[in-house]
C-alpha cells in the first residue's frame, strides 16, 4: 500500500460519492486514486457483504470502492439529512446519479445545494440531457448501447445488433465524469466559482461513437455516409493461425508492401486498388480477406517474429486467464496482491497511468458499507449522542 497518502494530486479535496451501480462509483474511485478524500454515502439497506454481486465484498466492489471511506445515511430521515448537509458543507465535489425526481424530493438538487454552497462542484451523471424528451427514461448500460448506435454497429457488419461483452457505457462515461470534475476544479482554482455539471450517458456515447464514424456526414451537404468502412468490415477480426488466433494488422503503406512480400505477391503493391491509403480503405474487406487466408500458414509465434522484423502490428489473442500470467503485466505489476482485513488476500488492478512524483496507489481497502460513519461524523464535529440519532445506529 502507498506509504504517503499526501502525494496524490487531489490531496486535500473532498468528494461526496452519492452514486450507485458502476459509472459513478468508478469515477469517484479514480478521483480517490489521485488522492481525494472520497466519502461514499450508502443507504442503511445496503448489506454488510454482497456488494458487486459476488460472495463477500466482491471483486467489483473491491475495485470501485478502494481508497474511499463509507458512511451510511438514510436520506429520508431528518437527522440523516442534516448529517448529509454537514458532509456537503465540508466537500469540494458532490457526484450523484440519483434520478432528478428523487433528488427533488430529498432537497438535494443542484439548485438546492449550490444555492447554499456556490463554490461546490456538483456533478449529476444521468441517462439523458435534462432538456430533451428522453430526460425521464431509465438508463442502464445495455439500453444506452442500443440507443447510441453502439450495438447497431454490429448489425452493419453481421446483420444483427450486439451488446459489447463489457459495461462499456458505464466505463466510458466514468472517464468523462473525471474529466469534467477536473476541469471544474481547475476553473475554480482560477476564479473561485463552483460548477454544476451534467454528464448524460446517451449524448456522451453518441459523441464517443462519432469520433471516427461521423466521417463525410460531418460536411454539409454530406460527402459520404456515416460509418468508418475499415472498421465496419466482417473481415476485420482476429485471424486463425496454424495453432491459435492472431491479431495481424498491416496498416501503413510500408506495412502492406512488406505483407505483400511476405505472402509472395509483391506485385500487389502496384495494384491501383491498394496503392494509396484511400484505395486501401475502399478495398479493406478484400485486403483483410487476404490476411485471413494467409494467417493459417504460420503459427502465432511465427507471425509475431516476422511482424516484429517488419514493424507490422501483431499480437496473440489472449484470454482473461492468460492475462493473469502475462509476463509484461507481471513486470509492470499492474495487478498486485494485497491483504483485505475482511476478505483476506486479493488481487486488484492499479491505476495504469504512471507519474513522476504523484502517487495513485492503494491507500485504503474497499470499506464495508458504513464502516466510517462514526469516524467521518466525528470529524464534522458530531458528538456521540448526535451520531446515535442516525438511523444506522437506531
Protein backbone atom coordinates (compact mmCIF):
# COMPACT_ATOMS: atom_id res chain seq x y z
CA UNK A 1 0.00 0.00 0.00
CA UNK A 2 1.05 3.57 -0.62
CA UNK A 3 3.14 4.83 2.26
CA UNK A 4 2.38 8.53 1.80
CA UNK A 5 -1.29 9.45 1.47
CA UNK A 6 -0.37 13.09 0.75
CA UNK A 7 1.32 12.63 -2.63
CA UNK A 8 -1.84 12.39 -4.77
CA UNK A 9 -2.67 15.37 -6.99
CA UNK A 10 -6.09 15.72 -5.32
CA UNK A 11 -4.88 15.54 -1.72
CA UNK A 12 -6.99 17.97 0.31
CA UNK A 13 -10.02 17.69 -1.99
CA UNK A 14 -13.12 16.05 -0.51
CA UNK A 15 -15.64 14.24 -2.72
CA UNK A 16 -19.10 13.11 -1.62
CA UNK A 17 -19.89 9.96 -3.62
CA UNK A 18 -23.69 9.66 -3.78
CA UNK A 19 -23.68 7.15 -6.63
CA UNK A 20 -24.64 3.54 -7.33
CA UNK A 21 -24.05 0.79 -9.91
CA UNK A 22 -20.68 1.32 -11.66
CA UNK A 23 -20.36 4.58 -13.63
CA UNK A 24 -20.39 6.98 -10.68
CA UNK A 25 -18.53 4.76 -8.21
CA UNK A 26 -15.74 4.12 -10.76
CA UNK A 27 -15.37 7.84 -11.47
CA UNK A 28 -15.15 8.57 -7.75
CA UNK A 29 -12.62 5.78 -7.28
CA UNK A 30 -10.39 7.34 -9.94
CA UNK A 31 -10.60 10.62 -8.01
CA UNK A 32 -9.78 8.69 -4.83
CA UNK A 33 -6.78 7.04 -6.50
CA UNK A 34 -5.50 10.54 -7.20
CA UNK A 35 -5.61 11.42 -3.53
CA UNK A 36 -9.09 12.85 -2.98
CA UNK A 37 -10.85 12.07 0.31
CA UNK A 38 -13.87 10.29 -1.15
CA UNK A 39 -16.78 9.70 1.23
CA UNK A 40 -19.14 7.07 -0.13
CA UNK A 41 -22.72 7.59 1.11
CA UNK A 42 -24.80 4.40 1.15
CA UNK A 43 -28.33 3.70 2.42
CA UNK A 44 -28.89 1.56 5.52
CA UNK A 45 -30.42 -1.16 3.32
CA UNK A 46 -27.01 -1.96 1.79
CA UNK A 47 -25.83 -5.29 3.19
CA UNK A 48 -22.53 -5.64 5.02
CA UNK A 49 -21.50 -8.10 2.30
CA UNK A 50 -22.58 -8.94 -1.20
CA UNK A 51 -21.73 -5.67 -2.96
CA UNK A 52 -20.80 -6.28 -6.57
CA UNK A 53 -22.87 -9.45 -6.94
CA UNK A 54 -20.14 -11.77 -5.69
CA UNK A 55 -19.62 -13.60 -2.41
CA UNK A 56 -18.31 -11.35 0.36
CA UNK A 57 -17.46 -7.78 -0.61
CA UNK A 58 -16.92 -8.96 -4.18
CA UNK A 59 -14.36 -8.31 -6.87
CA UNK A 60 -16.19 -5.36 -8.41
CA UNK A 61 -16.69 -3.62 -5.06
CA UNK A 62 -13.07 -4.25 -4.06
CA UNK A 63 -12.08 -2.35 -7.20
CA UNK A 64 -14.58 0.51 -7.46
CA UNK A 65 -14.62 1.39 -3.76
CA UNK A 66 -10.93 1.26 -2.89
CA UNK A 67 -9.35 4.38 -1.40
CA UNK A 68 -12.79 5.51 -0.16
CA UNK A 69 -14.42 5.84 3.22
CA UNK A 70 -18.02 4.73 3.67
CA UNK A 71 -20.88 6.38 5.59
CA UNK A 72 -24.41 5.02 5.97
CA UNK A 73 -27.21 7.59 5.86
CA UNK A 74 -30.96 7.32 5.35
CA UNK A 75 -31.71 10.50 3.42
CA UNK A 76 -35.42 10.11 4.19
CA UNK A 77 -34.60 10.70 7.87
CA UNK A 78 -34.38 14.27 9.19
CA UNK A 79 -31.28 13.62 11.30
CA UNK A 80 -29.53 11.82 8.45
CA UNK A 81 -30.32 14.64 6.01
CA UNK A 82 -28.78 17.04 8.50
CA UNK A 83 -25.68 14.84 8.51
CA UNK A 84 -25.66 14.89 4.71
CA UNK A 85 -25.81 18.69 4.68
CA UNK A 86 -22.85 18.84 7.08
CA UNK A 87 -20.95 16.44 4.85
CA UNK A 88 -21.72 18.55 1.76
CA UNK A 89 -20.61 21.68 3.62
CA UNK A 90 -17.18 20.07 4.09
CA UNK A 91 -16.88 18.94 0.46
CA UNK A 92 -15.42 20.33 -2.73
CA UNK A 93 -17.26 17.96 -5.07
CA UNK A 94 -20.53 16.04 -4.99
CA UNK A 95 -21.14 13.33 -7.58
CA UNK A 96 -24.55 11.69 -7.86
CA UNK A 97 -26.51 9.58 -10.33
CA UNK A 98 -29.80 9.74 -8.43
CA UNK A 99 -32.88 10.49 -10.53
CA UNK A 100 -33.86 14.16 -10.66
CA UNK A 101 -37.24 13.44 -9.05
CA UNK A 102 -35.61 11.66 -6.10
CA UNK A 103 -33.13 14.50 -5.58
CA UNK A 104 -36.01 16.99 -5.63
CA UNK A 105 -37.97 15.01 -3.03
CA UNK A 106 -34.96 14.87 -0.72
CA UNK A 107 -33.97 18.50 -1.26
CA UNK A 108 -30.54 17.78 -2.77
CA UNK A 109 -30.89 19.06 -6.34
CA UNK A 110 -28.05 21.11 -7.81
CA UNK A 111 -30.06 24.27 -7.24
CA UNK A 112 -30.78 23.32 -3.60
CA UNK A 113 -27.15 22.54 -2.88
CA UNK A 114 -25.32 25.24 -4.82
CA UNK A 115 -27.63 27.98 -3.53
CA UNK A 116 -26.15 27.23 -0.10
CA UNK A 117 -22.63 26.33 -1.30
CA UNK A 118 -21.86 28.17 -4.55
CA UNK A 119 -18.20 27.03 -4.59
CA UNK A 120 -19.23 23.38 -4.70
CA UNK A 121 -18.72 21.34 -7.86
CA UNK A 122 -21.96 19.40 -8.30
CA UNK A 123 -21.79 16.62 -10.91
CA UNK A 124 -25.02 14.89 -11.97
CA UNK A 125 -24.46 11.75 -14.03
CA UNK A 126 -27.71 10.75 -15.66
CA UNK A 127 -29.08 8.87 -18.64
CA UNK A 128 -30.08 11.76 -20.88
CA UNK A 129 -29.76 15.52 -21.12
CA UNK A 130 -32.45 17.11 -19.00
CA UNK A 131 -33.73 19.42 -21.77
CA UNK A 132 -34.61 16.60 -24.17
CA UNK A 133 -37.70 14.38 -24.49
CA UNK A 134 -35.84 11.33 -23.10
CA UNK A 135 -34.97 13.05 -19.82
CA UNK A 136 -37.16 10.85 -17.61
CA UNK A 137 -36.29 7.49 -19.20
CA UNK A 138 -34.49 4.85 -17.19
CA UNK A 139 -30.93 4.28 -18.39
CA UNK A 140 -28.60 1.33 -17.97
CA UNK A 141 -25.54 0.28 -19.93
CA UNK A 142 -27.25 -2.06 -22.42
CA UNK A 143 -30.08 0.38 -23.06
CA UNK A 144 -27.61 3.14 -23.93
CA UNK A 145 -25.51 0.80 -26.07
CA UNK A 146 -28.69 0.23 -28.08
CA UNK A 147 -29.84 3.84 -28.36
CA UNK A 148 -26.40 5.37 -29.02
CA UNK A 149 -25.69 3.25 -32.09
CA UNK A 150 -23.01 1.19 -30.32
CA UNK A 151 -24.94 -2.10 -30.51
CA UNK A 152 -26.12 -1.25 -34.02
CA UNK A 153 -22.58 -1.14 -35.39
CA UNK A 154 -22.52 -4.94 -35.23
CA UNK A 155 -25.62 -5.03 -37.44
CA UNK A 156 -23.75 -3.03 -40.07
CA UNK A 157 -21.23 -5.87 -40.18
CA UNK A 158 -23.14 -9.09 -39.49
CA UNK A 159 -26.77 -8.03 -39.89
CA UNK A 160 -27.52 -8.45 -36.19
CA UNK A 161 -27.01 -5.89 -33.41
CA UNK A 162 -24.99 -7.00 -30.39
CA UNK A 163 -24.06 -5.63 -27.00
CA UNK A 164 -20.37 -5.39 -26.18
CA UNK A 165 -19.35 -8.03 -23.60
CA UNK A 166 -18.38 -5.15 -21.32
CA UNK A 167 -20.16 -2.37 -19.45
CA UNK A 168 -18.56 -0.05 -21.96
CA UNK A 169 -21.04 2.82 -21.46
CA UNK A 170 -20.57 2.99 -17.69
CA UNK A 171 -16.79 2.89 -18.01
CA UNK A 172 -16.55 5.46 -20.80
CA UNK A 173 -18.93 7.83 -19.02
CA UNK A 174 -16.97 7.48 -15.78
CA UNK A 175 -13.91 8.85 -17.58
CA UNK A 176 -15.95 11.81 -18.85
CA UNK A 177 -17.11 12.47 -15.28
CA UNK A 178 -13.50 12.57 -14.10
CA UNK A 179 -12.50 14.87 -16.97
CA UNK A 180 -15.39 17.24 -16.23
CA UNK A 181 -14.72 17.37 -12.50
CA UNK A 182 -11.01 18.01 -13.05
CA UNK A 183 -11.79 20.86 -15.46
CA UNK A 184 -14.23 22.37 -12.96
CA UNK A 185 -11.62 22.14 -10.20
CA UNK A 186 -9.08 23.94 -12.38
CA UNK A 187 -11.66 26.61 -13.20
CA UNK A 188 -12.49 27.08 -9.51
CA UNK A 189 -8.81 27.40 -8.71
CA UNK A 190 -8.57 30.18 -11.31
CA UNK A 191 -11.64 32.22 -10.41
CA UNK A 192 -13.21 30.76 -7.27
CA UNK A 193 -16.51 29.73 -8.83
CA UNK A 194 -18.24 26.38 -8.40
CA UNK A 195 -19.95 24.49 -11.17
CA UNK A 196 -23.00 22.38 -11.96
CA UNK A 197 -22.05 19.57 -14.35
CA UNK A 198 -24.35 17.21 -16.24
CA UNK A 199 -22.85 14.08 -17.78
CA UNK A 200 -25.62 12.37 -19.83
CA UNK A 201 -24.86 8.78 -20.84
CA UNK A 202 -26.72 8.91 -24.18
CA UNK A 203 -25.10 12.07 -25.50
CA UNK A 204 -21.70 11.03 -24.15
CA UNK A 205 -21.78 7.71 -26.01
CA UNK A 206 -23.01 9.29 -29.24
CA UNK A 207 -20.08 11.72 -29.03
CA UNK A 208 -17.74 8.80 -28.29
CA UNK A 209 -19.03 6.74 -31.23
CA UNK A 210 -18.97 9.58 -33.75
CA UNK A 211 -15.27 10.46 -33.34
CA UNK A 212 -14.38 8.11 -36.21
CA UNK A 213 -17.82 7.31 -37.64
CA UNK A 214 -19.27 10.74 -38.50
CA UNK A 215 -16.90 10.88 -41.49
CA UNK A 216 -18.28 12.59 -44.60
CA UNK A 217 -21.64 13.23 -42.95
CA UNK A 218 -19.92 15.99 -40.96
CA UNK A 219 -19.91 18.14 -44.10
CA UNK A 220 -22.97 19.96 -45.46
CA UNK A 221 -24.04 18.71 -47.89
CA UNK A 222 -22.69 15.27 -46.90
CA UNK A 223 -19.73 13.90 -48.84
CA UNK A 224 -20.18 10.34 -47.69
CA UNK A 225 -22.12 8.08 -45.38
CA UNK A 226 -21.90 7.82 -41.63
CA UNK A 227 -19.57 4.98 -40.64
CA UNK A 228 -15.86 4.20 -41.00
CA UNK A 229 -15.81 1.38 -43.55
CA UNK A 230 -12.45 -0.04 -42.43
CA UNK A 231 -13.96 -0.79 -39.03
CA UNK A 232 -17.42 -1.86 -40.25
CA UNK A 233 -15.94 -4.84 -42.05
CA UNK A 234 -16.72 -8.50 -41.40
CA UNK A 235 -13.12 -9.45 -42.22
CA UNK A 236 -11.68 -7.09 -39.57
CA UNK A 237 -11.23 -9.63 -36.81
CA UNK A 238 -8.64 -11.84 -35.17
CA UNK A 239 -7.45 -14.49 -37.62
CA UNK A 240 -6.91 -18.18 -37.07
CA UNK A 241 -3.23 -19.05 -37.24
CA UNK A 242 -1.74 -22.54 -37.55
CA UNK A 243 -2.01 -23.04 -33.79
CA UNK A 244 -4.40 -20.44 -32.39
CA UNK A 245 -5.51 -16.88 -33.07
CA UNK A 246 -3.57 -13.78 -34.02
CA UNK A 247 -4.31 -10.06 -34.37
CA UNK A 248 -2.46 -9.31 -37.60
CA UNK A 249 -2.83 -5.72 -38.80
CA UNK A 250 -0.82 -4.30 -41.68
CA UNK A 251 -1.82 -0.62 -41.65
CA UNK A 252 0.69 1.78 -43.20
CA UNK A 253 1.76 1.71 -46.83
CA UNK A 254 5.09 0.18 -45.79
CA UNK A 255 3.25 -2.46 -43.74
CA UNK A 256 1.17 -3.52 -46.73
CA UNK A 257 4.15 -3.60 -49.09
CA UNK A 258 6.01 -5.81 -46.61
CA UNK A 259 2.97 -8.01 -46.13
CA UNK A 260 2.61 -8.50 -49.89
CA UNK A 261 6.28 -9.56 -49.96
CA UNK A 262 5.74 -11.95 -47.02
CA UNK A 263 2.84 -13.73 -48.78
CA UNK A 264 4.79 -13.92 -52.05
CA UNK A 265 2.75 -11.37 -54.00
CA UNK A 266 4.95 -8.24 -54.23
CA UNK A 267 3.16 -7.15 -57.42
CA UNK A 268 0.08 -6.25 -55.37
CA UNK A 269 1.89 -3.12 -54.11
CA UNK A 270 1.46 -1.51 -57.53
CA UNK A 271 -2.18 -2.57 -57.95
CA UNK A 272 -4.30 0.63 -58.11
CA UNK A 273 -6.77 -0.90 -55.62
CA UNK A 274 -4.07 -0.99 -52.93
CA UNK A 275 -1.63 1.75 -53.97
CA UNK A 276 -2.98 4.57 -51.76
CA UNK A 277 -4.48 4.83 -48.30
CA UNK A 278 -7.84 5.89 -49.72
CA UNK A 279 -7.87 2.96 -52.17
CA UNK A 280 -6.93 0.52 -49.40
CA UNK A 281 -9.77 1.79 -47.19
CA UNK A 282 -12.24 1.33 -50.04
CA UNK A 283 -10.99 -2.22 -50.52
CA UNK A 284 -10.39 -3.04 -46.86
CA UNK A 285 -12.62 -6.13 -46.82
CA UNK A 286 -10.73 -7.63 -49.74
CA UNK A 287 -7.35 -6.88 -48.13
CA UNK A 288 -8.38 -8.33 -44.77
CA UNK A 289 -9.61 -11.45 -46.57
CA UNK A 290 -6.04 -11.86 -47.87
CA UNK A 291 -4.76 -11.63 -44.30
CA UNK A 292 -7.33 -14.21 -43.17
CA UNK A 293 -6.20 -16.57 -45.95
CA UNK A 294 -2.51 -16.14 -45.11
CA UNK A 295 -2.80 -16.39 -41.33
CA UNK A 296 -3.23 -20.20 -41.04
CA UNK A 297 0.03 -20.76 -42.91
CA UNK A 298 2.13 -19.87 -39.84
CA UNK A 299 1.89 -20.26 -36.09
CA UNK A 300 1.12 -17.27 -33.93
CA UNK A 301 4.73 -17.16 -32.70
CA UNK A 302 5.99 -17.26 -36.29
CA UNK A 303 3.74 -14.34 -37.21
CA UNK A 304 4.96 -12.46 -34.16
CA UNK A 305 8.60 -12.94 -35.16
CA UNK A 306 8.01 -11.90 -38.78
CA UNK A 307 5.90 -8.88 -37.88
CA UNK A 308 8.40 -7.70 -35.28
CA UNK A 309 11.05 -7.81 -38.01
CA UNK A 310 8.93 -5.63 -40.32
CA UNK A 311 7.27 -3.46 -37.62
CA UNK A 312 3.81 -4.72 -38.60
CA UNK A 313 1.34 -4.53 -35.67
CA UNK A 314 0.71 -8.06 -34.44
CA UNK A 315 -0.28 -9.70 -31.17
CA UNK A 316 -1.58 -13.02 -29.90
CA UNK A 317 -5.23 -13.11 -28.82
CA UNK A 318 -5.22 -13.60 -25.05
CA UNK A 319 -7.99 -14.77 -22.78
CA UNK A 320 -8.55 -13.41 -19.29
CA UNK A 321 -6.77 -16.38 -17.71
CA UNK A 322 -3.70 -15.69 -19.84
CA UNK A 323 -3.73 -12.02 -18.84
CA UNK A 324 -3.38 -13.10 -15.22
CA UNK A 325 0.05 -14.59 -16.04
CA UNK A 326 1.17 -12.27 -18.85
CA UNK A 327 4.90 -11.50 -18.41
CA UNK A 328 4.59 -7.83 -19.35
CA UNK A 329 1.72 -7.19 -16.92
CA UNK A 330 3.68 -9.05 -14.27
CA UNK A 331 6.79 -6.93 -14.91
CA UNK A 332 4.87 -3.64 -14.61
CA UNK A 333 2.89 -5.01 -11.61
CA UNK A 334 -0.49 -4.00 -12.97
CA UNK A 335 -2.37 -6.47 -10.74
CA UNK A 336 -0.64 -6.58 -7.35
CA UNK A 337 -1.87 -8.67 -4.42
CA UNK A 338 -2.89 -7.05 -1.13
CA UNK A 339 -4.47 -8.31 2.08
CA UNK A 340 -8.00 -7.07 2.84
CA UNK A 341 -8.92 -7.06 6.54
CA UNK A 342 -12.26 -8.80 5.80
CA UNK A 343 -11.69 -10.72 2.57
CA UNK A 344 -8.03 -11.66 3.02
CA UNK A 345 -5.60 -11.77 0.08
CA UNK A 346 -6.97 -10.29 -3.13
CA UNK A 347 -5.73 -9.02 -6.45
CA UNK A 348 -6.61 -5.55 -7.74
CA UNK A 349 -5.89 -3.60 -10.90
CA UNK A 350 -3.92 -0.46 -10.09
CA UNK A 351 -4.33 2.83 -11.89
CA UNK A 352 -2.40 2.18 -15.14
CA UNK A 353 -1.13 5.76 -15.51
CA UNK A 354 2.31 6.44 -14.07
CA UNK A 355 3.53 9.82 -12.82
CA UNK A 356 6.99 11.03 -11.95
CA UNK A 357 6.19 12.20 -8.41
CA UNK A 358 2.43 11.70 -7.92
CA UNK A 359 1.04 8.62 -6.18
CA UNK A 360 -2.14 6.82 -7.30
CA UNK A 361 -1.55 3.70 -5.23
CA UNK A 362 -3.75 1.85 -2.78
CA UNK A 363 -4.28 3.88 0.40
CA UNK A 364 -7.41 2.21 1.79
CA UNK A 365 -9.01 -1.12 1.04
CA UNK A 366 -12.64 -1.07 -0.12
CA UNK A 367 -14.65 -0.50 3.06
CA UNK A 368 -17.51 -2.47 4.49
CA UNK A 369 -20.60 -0.28 3.80
CA UNK A 370 -20.93 2.29 6.55
CA UNK A 371 -17.58 1.39 8.11
CA UNK A 372 -16.51 5.01 8.62
CA UNK A 373 -19.81 6.57 9.71
CA UNK A 374 -18.65 7.36 13.25
CA UNK A 375 -15.21 8.47 12.11
CA UNK A 376 -16.45 10.89 9.45
CA UNK A 377 -19.27 12.34 11.53
CA UNK A 378 -16.82 12.87 14.39
CA UNK A 379 -14.58 14.83 12.02
CA UNK A 380 -17.59 17.01 11.20
CA UNK A 381 -17.99 17.87 14.87
CA UNK A 382 -20.79 15.49 15.75
CA UNK A 383 -20.62 14.17 19.32
CA UNK A 384 -21.53 10.59 20.11
CA UNK A 385 -25.05 11.41 21.28
CA UNK A 386 -25.75 13.11 17.93
CA UNK A 387 -24.22 10.24 15.97
CA UNK A 388 -26.53 7.85 17.81
CA UNK A 389 -29.52 9.66 16.27
CA UNK A 390 -28.54 8.45 12.79
CA UNK A 391 -30.81 5.69 11.58
CA UNK A 392 -27.96 3.24 11.12
CA UNK A 393 -27.42 3.30 14.90
CA UNK A 394 -31.07 3.49 15.96
